[in-house]
Amino acid sequence: MRKNKFLTIYNDLSLQIRKGVFQPNDLLPSEHDLSEQYKTSRETIRKALNLLSEHGYIQKIKGKGSVVLDVGKYDFPVSGLVSFKELTQKMEKRVRTIVHELQLIKPGDDIRQYLEISAKDEVWKVVRAREIEGEKIILDKDFLHRKFVPSLTREICENSIYEYLENELKLKISFAKKEMFVDKVTDEDRKYLDVDGYEHIVVVQNYVYLEDASLFQFTESRHRLDKFRFVDFARRVH
């Protein structure tokens, strides 16, 4: 038990940070104070603090101490191609998908251009709000070429479209081109999201391709800007 005491301390401090006992930019107590509080050695405290740093709870600053980071934001992978269901399975949060629109449409000029299709083609239009911990903070607008997705139901859209495409239709989703920008909040955003007074929103547009390089989906995801941290991994090429 003594061997894993640093894990107990890590779990206790990380819980306090998540619950807001320590706020972003607060300083944690010093190593000396923590060792007295937990009745353990400073070496054990350092192990716990290193683990907090590795998991993004604190930033250790020389001469200042351990600064608490903002963990109220959800990490959104920029380079990955994951569904909302896959993303939220890693969270210990209450999540819900609300389908506001599901219809087969004749695409307008913009969607025809995005999907590189003709006026004769039909497209599934799906509008969904994503709710996390009771707050609607993502608005997803999907347009899927009917040639590749012959049918779609509300139940599928509430669960996971990608799960249906890959497991039922056996489509091999391969890669996506992504564009990110900040846009003004629209009336549609205000209607379907809890915009909380914000005037701008982060938009991620995805052009999604199958294994044979067929473009089958265009998605616009609109994220409340205070709730997400867009993350990527970059390596310098020498």
C-alpha atoms as a PDB file:
ATOM      1  CA  MET A   1       0.000   0.000   0.000  1.00  0.00           C
ATOM      2  CA  ARG A   2       2.856   2.346   0.986  1.00  0.00           C
ATOM      3  CA  LYS A   3       4.498   1.563  -2.348  1.00  0.00           C
ATOM      4  CA  ASN A   4       1.568   3.153  -4.239  1.00  0.00           C
ATOM      5  CA  LYS A   5       1.033   6.131  -1.960  1.00  0.00           C
ATOM      6  CA  PHE A   6       2.013   8.570  -4.722  1.00  0.00           C
ATOM      7  CA  LEU A   7      -0.930   7.194  -6.777  1.00  0.00           C
ATOM      8  CA  THR A   8      -3.317   7.850  -3.885  1.00  0.00           C
ATOM      9  CA  ILE A   9      -2.007  11.421  -3.648  1.00  0.00           C
ATOM     10  CA  TYR A  10      -2.242  11.859  -7.431  1.00  0.00           C
ATOM     11  CA  ASN A  11      -5.857  10.613  -7.435  1.00  0.00           C
ATOM     12  CA  ASP A  12      -6.790  12.916  -4.556  1.00  0.00           C
ATOM     13  CA  LEU A  13      -5.193  16.036  -6.074  1.00  0.00           C
ATOM     14  CA  SER A  14      -6.513  15.348  -9.599  1.00  0.00           C
ATOM     15  CA  LEU A  15     -10.036  14.915  -8.163  1.00  0.00           C
ATOM     16  CA  GLN A  16      -9.737  18.243  -6.340  1.00  0.00           C
ATOM     17  CA  ILE A  17      -8.645  19.935  -9.583  1.00  0.00           C
ATOM     18  CA  ARG A  18     -11.545  18.412 -11.549  1.00  0.00           C
ATOM     19  CA  LYS A  19     -14.012  19.469  -8.847  1.00  0.00           C
ATOM     20  CA  GLY A  20     -12.688  23.038  -8.881  1.00  0.00           C
ATOM     21  CA  VAL A  21     -11.148  23.042  -5.392  1.00  0.00           C
ATOM     22  CA  PHE A  22      -8.057  24.278  -7.233  1.00  0.00           C
ATOM     23  CA  GLN A  23      -8.899  26.664 -10.074  1.00  0.00           C
ATOM     24  CA  PRO A  24      -6.926  27.246 -13.312  1.00  0.00           C
ATOM     25  CA  ASN A  25      -3.772  29.318 -12.598  1.00  0.00           C
ATOM     26  CA  ASP A  26      -3.903  28.504  -8.870  1.00  0.00           C
ATOM     27  CA  LEU A  27      -0.699  27.280  -7.261  1.00  0.00           C
ATOM     28  CA  LEU A  28      -0.771  23.906  -5.540  1.00  0.00           C
ATOM     29  CA  PRO A  29       0.694  23.854  -2.011  1.00  0.00           C
ATOM     30  CA  SER A  30       4.482  23.489  -1.930  1.00  0.00           C
ATOM     31  CA  GLU A  31       6.172  20.079  -1.866  1.00  0.00           C
ATOM     32  CA  HIS A  32       7.000  20.718   1.805  1.00  0.00           C
ATOM     33  CA  ASP A  33       3.373  21.537   2.695  1.00  0.00           C
ATOM     34  CA  LEU A  34       2.030  18.570   0.722  1.00  0.00           C
ATOM     35  CA  SER A  35       4.497  16.173   2.376  1.00  0.00           C
ATOM     36  CA  GLU A  36       3.266  17.354   5.783  1.00  0.00           C
ATOM     37  CA  GLN A  37      -0.376  17.200   4.691  1.00  0.00           C
ATOM     38  CA  TYR A  38      -0.091  13.629   3.387  1.00  0.00           C
ATOM     39  CA  LYS A  39       2.482  12.562   5.999  1.00  0.00           C
ATOM     40  CA  THR A  40       4.936  11.281   3.431  1.00  0.00           C
ATOM     41  CA  SER A  41       8.330  12.084   1.923  1.00  0.00           C
ATOM     42  CA  ARG A  42       8.952  14.867  -0.596  1.00  0.00           C
ATOM     43  CA  GLU A  43      10.137  12.215  -3.051  1.00  0.00           C
ATOM     44  CA  THR A  44       6.666  10.608  -2.972  1.00  0.00           C
ATOM     45  CA  ILE A  45       5.086  14.045  -3.464  1.00  0.00           C
ATOM     46  CA  ARG A  46       7.368  14.677  -6.471  1.00  0.00           C
ATOM     47  CA  LYS A  47       6.216  11.401  -8.056  1.00  0.00           C
ATOM     48  CA  ALA A  48       2.563  12.443  -7.625  1.00  0.00           C
ATOM     49  CA  LEU A  49       3.251  15.924  -9.040  1.00  0.00           C
ATOM     50  CA  ASN A  50       5.129  14.463 -12.019  1.00  0.00           C
ATOM     51  CA  LEU A  51       2.108  12.274 -12.771  1.00  0.00           C
ATOM     52  CA  LEU A  52      -0.200  15.304 -12.536  1.00  0.00           C
ATOM     53  CA  SER A  53       2.066  17.122 -14.987  1.00  0.00           C
ATOM     54  CA  GLU A  54       2.131  14.161 -17.409  1.00  0.00           C
ATOM     55  CA  HIS A  55      -1.684  14.030 -17.448  1.00  0.00           C
ATOM     56  CA  GLY A  56      -2.115  17.757 -18.074  1.00  0.00           C
ATOM     57  CA  TYR A  57      -3.365  18.838 -14.638  1.00  0.00           C
ATOM     58  CA  ILE A  58      -0.439  21.097 -13.719  1.00  0.00           C
ATOM     59  CA  GLN A  59       2.559  22.897 -15.190  1.00  0.00           C
ATOM     60  CA  LYS A  60       5.666  22.863 -12.994  1.00  0.00           C
ATOM     61  CA  ILE A  61       7.416  26.239 -13.204  1.00  0.00           C
ATOM     62  CA  LYS A  62      10.877  26.641 -11.740  1.00  0.00           C
ATOM     63  CA  GLY A  63      10.958  29.157  -8.919  1.00  0.00           C
ATOM     64  CA  LYS A  64       7.167  29.376  -8.800  1.00  0.00           C
ATOM     65  CA  GLY A  65       5.725  25.929  -8.147  1.00  0.00           C
ATOM     66  CA  SER A  66       2.947  23.796  -9.636  1.00  0.00           C
ATOM     67  CA  VAL A  67       0.407  25.875 -11.594  1.00  0.00           C
ATOM     68  CA  VAL A  68      -3.041  24.319 -12.136  1.00  0.00           C
ATOM     69  CA  LEU A  69      -4.094  24.081 -15.803  1.00  0.00           C
ATOM     70  CA  ASP A  70      -7.605  24.415 -17.226  1.00  0.00           C
ATOM     71  CA  VAL A  71      -9.039  20.883 -17.389  1.00  0.00           C
ATOM     72  CA  GLY A  72     -12.579  22.092 -18.122  1.00  0.00           C
ATOM     73  CA  LYS A  73     -11.879  21.930 -21.858  1.00  0.00           C
ATOM     74  CA  TYR A  74     -12.267  18.793 -23.933  1.00  0.00           C
ATOM     75  CA  ASP A  75      -9.376  17.711 -26.120  1.00  0.00           C
ATOM     76  CA  PHE A  76     -10.374  17.585 -29.789  1.00  0.00           C
ATOM     77  CA  PRO A  77      -7.829  15.765 -32.003  1.00  0.00           C
ATOM     78  CA  VAL A  78      -7.051  17.828 -35.093  1.00  0.00           C
ATOM     79  CA  SER A  79      -5.232  15.140 -37.057  1.00  0.00           C
ATOM     80  CA  GLY A  80      -7.395  12.163 -36.075  1.00  0.00           C
ATOM     81  CA  LEU A  81     -10.478  10.924 -37.889  1.00  0.00           C
ATOM     82  CA  VAL A  82     -12.759   9.781 -35.076  1.00  0.00           C
ATOM     83  CA  SER A  83     -16.505   9.790 -34.522  1.00  0.00           C
ATOM     84  CA  PHE A  84     -18.162  11.668 -31.665  1.00  0.00           C
ATOM     85  CA  LYS A  85     -19.041   8.318 -30.076  1.00  0.00           C
ATOM     86  CA  GLU A  86     -15.418   7.174 -30.210  1.00  0.00           C
ATOM     87  CA  LEU A  87     -14.243  10.511 -28.813  1.00  0.00           C
ATOM     88  CA  THR A  88     -16.668  10.501 -25.882  1.00  0.00           C
ATOM     89  CA  GLN A  89     -16.103   6.855 -24.953  1.00  0.00           C
ATOM     90  CA  LYS A  90     -12.803   8.028 -23.448  1.00  0.00           C
ATOM     91  CA  MET A  91     -14.577  10.639 -21.318  1.00  0.00           C
ATOM     92  CA  GLU A  92     -16.294   9.933 -18.034  1.00  0.00           C
ATOM     93  CA  LYS A  93     -19.069  12.346 -18.995  1.00  0.00           C
ATOM     94  CA  ARG A  94     -22.808  12.259 -19.669  1.00  0.00           C
ATOM     95  CA  VAL A  95     -23.254  12.667 -23.411  1.00  0.00           C
ATOM     96  CA  ARG A  96     -26.243  12.812 -25.734  1.00  0.00           C
ATOM     97  CA  THR A  97     -26.813  13.313 -29.466  1.00  0.00           C
ATOM     98  CA  ILE A  98     -29.961  15.183 -30.504  1.00  0.00           C
ATOM     99  CA  VAL A  99     -30.999  14.765 -34.157  1.00  0.00           C
ATOM    100  CA  HIS A 100     -32.705  17.939 -35.368  1.00  0.00           C
ATOM    101  CA  GLU A 101     -32.803  17.150 -39.071  1.00  0.00           C
ATOM    102  CA  LEU A 102     -32.520  14.047 -41.250  1.00  0.00           C
ATOM    103  CA  GLN A 103     -33.581  14.308 -44.861  1.00  0.00           C
ATOM    104  CA  LEU A 104     -32.635  13.407 -48.401  1.00  0.00           C
ATOM    105  CA  ILE A 105     -32.043  16.586 -50.389  1.00  0.00           C
ATOM    106  CA  LYS A 106     -31.068  17.869 -53.796  1.00  0.00           C
ATOM    107  CA  PRO A 107     -27.835  19.701 -52.967  1.00  0.00           C
ATOM    108  CA  GLY A 108     -27.404  23.414 -53.472  1.00  0.00           C
ATOM    109  CA  ASP A 109     -24.415  24.940 -55.242  1.00  0.00           C
ATOM    110  CA  ASP A 110     -22.200  24.984 -52.148  1.00  0.00           C
ATOM    111  CA  ILE A 111     -22.747  21.321 -51.227  1.00  0.00           C
ATOM    112  CA  ARG A 112     -22.329  20.243 -54.864  1.00  0.00           C
ATOM    113  CA  GLN A 113     -18.997  22.040 -54.867  1.00  0.00           C
ATOM    114  CA  TYR A 114     -17.909  20.565 -51.522  1.00  0.00           C
ATOM    115  CA  LEU A 115     -18.766  16.990 -52.545  1.00  0.00           C
ATOM    116  CA  GLU A 116     -17.837  17.426 -56.231  1.00  0.00           C
ATOM    117  CA  ILE A 117     -21.226  16.107 -57.395  1.00  0.00           C
ATOM    118  CA  SER A 118     -23.899  17.118 -59.920  1.00  0.00           C
ATOM    119  CA  ALA A 119     -27.364  18.607 -59.462  1.00  0.00           C
ATOM    120  CA  LYS A 120     -28.860  15.179 -60.189  1.00  0.00           C
ATOM    121  CA  ASP A 121     -27.204  13.546 -57.179  1.00  0.00           C
ATOM    122  CA  GLU A 122     -28.989  13.164 -53.859  1.00  0.00           C
ATOM    123  CA  VAL A 123     -27.434  13.846 -50.468  1.00  0.00           C
ATOM    124  CA  TRP A 124     -28.347  12.967 -46.898  1.00  0.00           C
ATOM    125  CA  LYS A 125     -28.449  16.061 -44.709  1.00  0.00           C
ATOM    126  CA  VAL A 126     -28.056  15.394 -40.977  1.00  0.00           C
ATOM    127  CA  VAL A 127     -28.074  18.135 -38.336  1.00  0.00           C
ATOM    128  CA  ARG A 128     -27.170  17.034 -34.807  1.00  0.00           C
ATOM    129  CA  ALA A 129     -26.450  18.806 -31.532  1.00  0.00           C
ATOM    130  CA  ARG A 130     -23.927  17.179 -29.202  1.00  0.00           C
ATOM    131  CA  GLU A 131     -24.603  17.538 -25.505  1.00  0.00           C
ATOM    132  CA  ILE A 132     -21.907  16.949 -22.868  1.00  0.00           C
ATOM    133  CA  GLU A 133     -22.754  17.166 -19.181  1.00  0.00           C
ATOM    134  CA  GLY A 134     -26.097  18.820 -19.971  1.00  0.00           C
ATOM    135  CA  GLU A 135     -24.649  21.531 -22.246  1.00  0.00           C
ATOM    136  CA  LYS A 136     -25.170  21.541 -26.020  1.00  0.00           C
ATOM    137  CA  ILE A 137     -21.729  22.602 -27.247  1.00  0.00           C
ATOM    138  CA  ILE A 138     -21.242  21.084 -30.741  1.00  0.00           C
ATOM    139  CA  LEU A 139     -23.454  21.443 -33.805  1.00  0.00           C
ATOM    140  CA  ASP A 140     -22.635  18.872 -36.502  1.00  0.00           C
ATOM    141  CA  LYS A 141     -23.972  19.321 -40.029  1.00  0.00           C
ATOM    142  CA  ASP A 142     -23.261  16.253 -42.190  1.00  0.00           C
ATOM    143  CA  PHE A 143     -23.818  15.837 -45.920  1.00  0.00           C
ATOM    144  CA  LEU A 144     -23.364  12.274 -47.225  1.00  0.00           C
ATOM    145  CA  HIS A 145     -23.514  11.242 -50.882  1.00  0.00           C
ATOM    146  CA  ARG A 146     -26.440   8.824 -51.305  1.00  0.00           C
ATOM    147  CA  LYS A 147     -24.439   6.846 -53.868  1.00  0.00           C
ATOM    148  CA  PHE A 148     -22.354   5.505 -50.971  1.00  0.00           C
ATOM    149  CA  VAL A 149     -25.006   5.672 -48.215  1.00  0.00           C
ATOM    150  CA  PRO A 150     -28.307   4.405 -49.687  1.00  0.00           C
ATOM    151  CA  SER A 151     -30.273   4.590 -46.432  1.00  0.00           C
ATOM    152  CA  LEU A 152     -30.016   6.312 -43.065  1.00  0.00           C
ATOM    153  CA  THR A 153     -32.264   6.368 -39.988  1.00  0.00           C
ATOM    154  CA  ARG A 154     -32.688   8.638 -36.993  1.00  0.00           C
ATOM    155  CA  GLU A 155     -31.606   5.795 -34.702  1.00  0.00           C
ATOM    156  CA  ILE A 156     -28.317   5.408 -36.616  1.00  0.00           C
ATOM    157  CA  CYS A 157     -27.716   9.165 -36.419  1.00  0.00           C
ATOM    158  CA  GLU A 158     -28.358   9.192 -32.659  1.00  0.00           C
ATOM    159  CA  ASN A 159     -25.891   6.353 -32.138  1.00  0.00           C
ATOM    160  CA  SER A 160     -22.991   6.579 -34.645  1.00  0.00           C
ATOM    161  CA  ILE A 161     -23.065   7.065 -38.404  1.00  0.00           C
ATOM    162  CA  TYR A 162     -19.473   5.842 -38.760  1.00  0.00           C
ATOM    163  CA  GLU A 163     -20.223   2.678 -36.820  1.00  0.00           C
ATOM    164  CA  TYR A 164     -23.075   1.975 -39.249  1.00  0.00           C
ATOM    165  CA  LEU A 165     -21.006   2.801 -42.345  1.00  0.00           C
ATOM    166  CA  GLU A 166     -18.091   0.609 -41.329  1.00  0.00           C
ATOM    167  CA  ASN A 167     -19.886  -2.308 -39.656  1.00  0.00           C
ATOM    168  CA  GLU A 168     -23.094  -2.540 -41.701  1.00  0.00           C
ATOM    169  CA  LEU A 169     -22.249  -1.028 -45.077  1.00  0.00           C
ATOM    170  CA  LYS A 170     -18.623  -2.237 -44.891  1.00  0.00           C
ATOM    171  CA  LEU A 171     -17.286   1.088 -46.158  1.00  0.00           C
ATOM    172  CA  LYS A 172     -13.585   1.694 -45.574  1.00  0.00           C
ATOM    173  CA  ILE A 173     -13.229   5.274 -44.362  1.00  0.00           C
ATOM    174  CA  SER A 174      -9.639   6.274 -45.006  1.00  0.00           C
ATOM    175  CA  PHE A 175      -8.695   9.955 -44.683  1.00  0.00           C
ATOM    176  CA  ALA A 176      -9.961  13.509 -44.466  1.00  0.00           C
ATOM    177  CA  LYS A 177      -8.954  17.010 -45.415  1.00  0.00           C
ATOM    178  CA  LYS A 178      -9.692  19.470 -42.616  1.00  0.00           C
ATOM    179  CA  GLU A 179     -10.136  23.230 -42.488  1.00  0.00           C
ATOM    180  CA  MET A 180     -10.473  25.220 -39.260  1.00  0.00           C
ATOM    181  CA  PHE A 181     -11.571  28.807 -38.737  1.00  0.00           C
ATOM    182  CA  VAL A 182     -13.474  31.078 -36.368  1.00  0.00           C
ATOM    183  CA  ASP A 183     -16.934  32.210 -37.463  1.00  0.00           C
ATOM    184  CA  LYS A 184     -19.628  34.474 -36.042  1.00  0.00           C
ATOM    185  CA  VAL A 185     -22.379  32.719 -34.112  1.00  0.00           C
ATOM    186  CA  THR A 186     -25.432  32.237 -36.363  1.00  0.00           C
ATOM    187  CA  ASP A 187     -29.157  32.085 -35.593  1.00  0.00           C
ATOM    188  CA  GLU A 188     -28.938  28.315 -36.157  1.00  0.00           C
ATOM    189  CA  ASP A 189     -26.159  28.082 -33.539  1.00  0.00           C
ATOM    190  CA  ARG A 190     -28.293  30.017 -31.069  1.00  0.00           C
ATOM    191  CA  LYS A 191     -31.272  27.783 -31.821  1.00  0.00           C
ATOM    192  CA  TYR A 192     -29.522  24.458 -31.254  1.00  0.00           C
ATOM    193  CA  LEU A 193     -26.579  25.256 -28.948  1.00  0.00           C
ATOM    194  CA  ASP A 194     -26.092  26.766 -25.516  1.00  0.00           C
ATOM    195  CA  VAL A 195     -23.916  29.589 -26.858  1.00  0.00           C
ATOM    196  CA  ASP A 196     -23.790  31.233 -23.430  1.00  0.00           C
ATOM    197  CA  GLY A 197     -23.432  34.771 -24.789  1.00  0.00           C
ATOM    198  CA  TYR A 198     -20.455  34.024 -27.035  1.00  0.00           C
ATOM    199  CA  GLU A 199     -20.378  35.826 -30.376  1.00  0.00           C
ATOM    200  CA  HIS A 200     -17.886  33.534 -32.133  1.00  0.00           C
ATOM    201  CA  ILE A 201     -17.586  29.798 -32.675  1.00  0.00           C
ATOM    202  CA  VAL A 202     -14.809  27.450 -33.845  1.00  0.00           C
ATOM    203  CA  VAL A 203     -15.649  25.678 -37.112  1.00  0.00           C
ATOM    204  CA  VAL A 204     -13.999  22.469 -38.328  1.00  0.00           C
ATOM    205  CA  GLN A 205     -14.861  21.408 -41.875  1.00  0.00           C
ATOM    206  CA  ASN A 206     -14.096  17.835 -42.948  1.00  0.00           C
ATOM    207  CA  TYR A 207     -13.928  16.439 -46.474  1.00  0.00           C
ATOM    208  CA  VAL A 208     -13.945  12.673 -45.874  1.00  0.00           C
ATOM    209  CA  TYR A 209     -12.709  10.063 -48.352  1.00  0.00           C
ATOM    210  CA  LEU A 210     -12.990   6.296 -48.696  1.00  0.00           C
ATOM    211  CA  GLU A 211     -10.078   3.950 -49.263  1.00  0.00           C
ATOM    212  CA  ASP A 212     -10.432   4.286 -53.041  1.00  0.00           C
ATOM    213  CA  ALA A 213     -10.174   8.111 -52.675  1.00  0.00           C
ATOM    214  CA  SER A 214     -13.914   8.660 -53.285  1.00  0.00           C
ATOM    215  CA  LEU A 215     -15.160  11.814 -51.545  1.00  0.00           C
ATOM    216  CA  PHE A 216     -18.382  10.742 -49.817  1.00  0.00           C
ATOM    217  CA  GLN A 217     -18.952  13.157 -46.936  1.00  0.00           C
ATOM    218  CA  PHE A 218     -18.702  16.839 -46.085  1.00  0.00           C
ATOM    219  CA  THR A 219     -19.114  17.802 -42.427  1.00  0.00           C
ATOM    220  CA  GLU A 220     -19.193  21.157 -40.675  1.00  0.00           C
ATOM    221  CA  SER A 221     -18.716  20.911 -36.897  1.00  0.00           C
ATOM    222  CA  ARG A 222     -19.343  24.080 -34.930  1.00  0.00           C
ATOM    223  CA  HIS A 223     -17.766  24.094 -31.440  1.00  0.00           C
ATOM    224  CA  ARG A 224     -18.361  26.488 -28.553  1.00  0.00           C
ATOM    225  CA  LEU A 225     -14.931  28.061 -28.266  1.00  0.00           C
ATOM    226  CA  ASP A 226     -14.593  27.991 -24.472  1.00  0.00           C
ATOM    227  CA  LYS A 227     -15.138  24.235 -24.238  1.00  0.00           C
ATOM    228  CA  PHE A 228     -12.496  22.753 -26.532  1.00  0.00           C
ATOM    229  CA  ARG A 229      -8.751  22.521 -26.810  1.00  0.00           C
ATOM    230  CA  PHE A 230      -7.678  21.517 -30.334  1.00  0.00           C
ATOM    231  CA  VAL A 231      -4.668  19.255 -30.051  1.00  0.00           C
ATOM    232  CA  ASP A 232      -2.178  17.733 -32.464  1.00  0.00           C
ATOM    233  CA  PHE A 233       1.243  16.138 -32.395  1.00  0.00           C
ATOM    234  CA  ALA A 234       3.978  17.683 -34.522  1.00  0.00           C
ATOM    235  CA  ARG A 235       7.499  16.518 -35.182  1.00  0.00           C
ATOM    236  CA  ARG A 236      10.240  18.726 -36.617  1.00  0.00           C
ATOM    237  CA  VAL A 237      11.721  17.272 -39.798  1.00  0.00           C
ATOM    238  CA  HIS A 238      15.525  17.464 -40.014  1.00  0.00           C
END
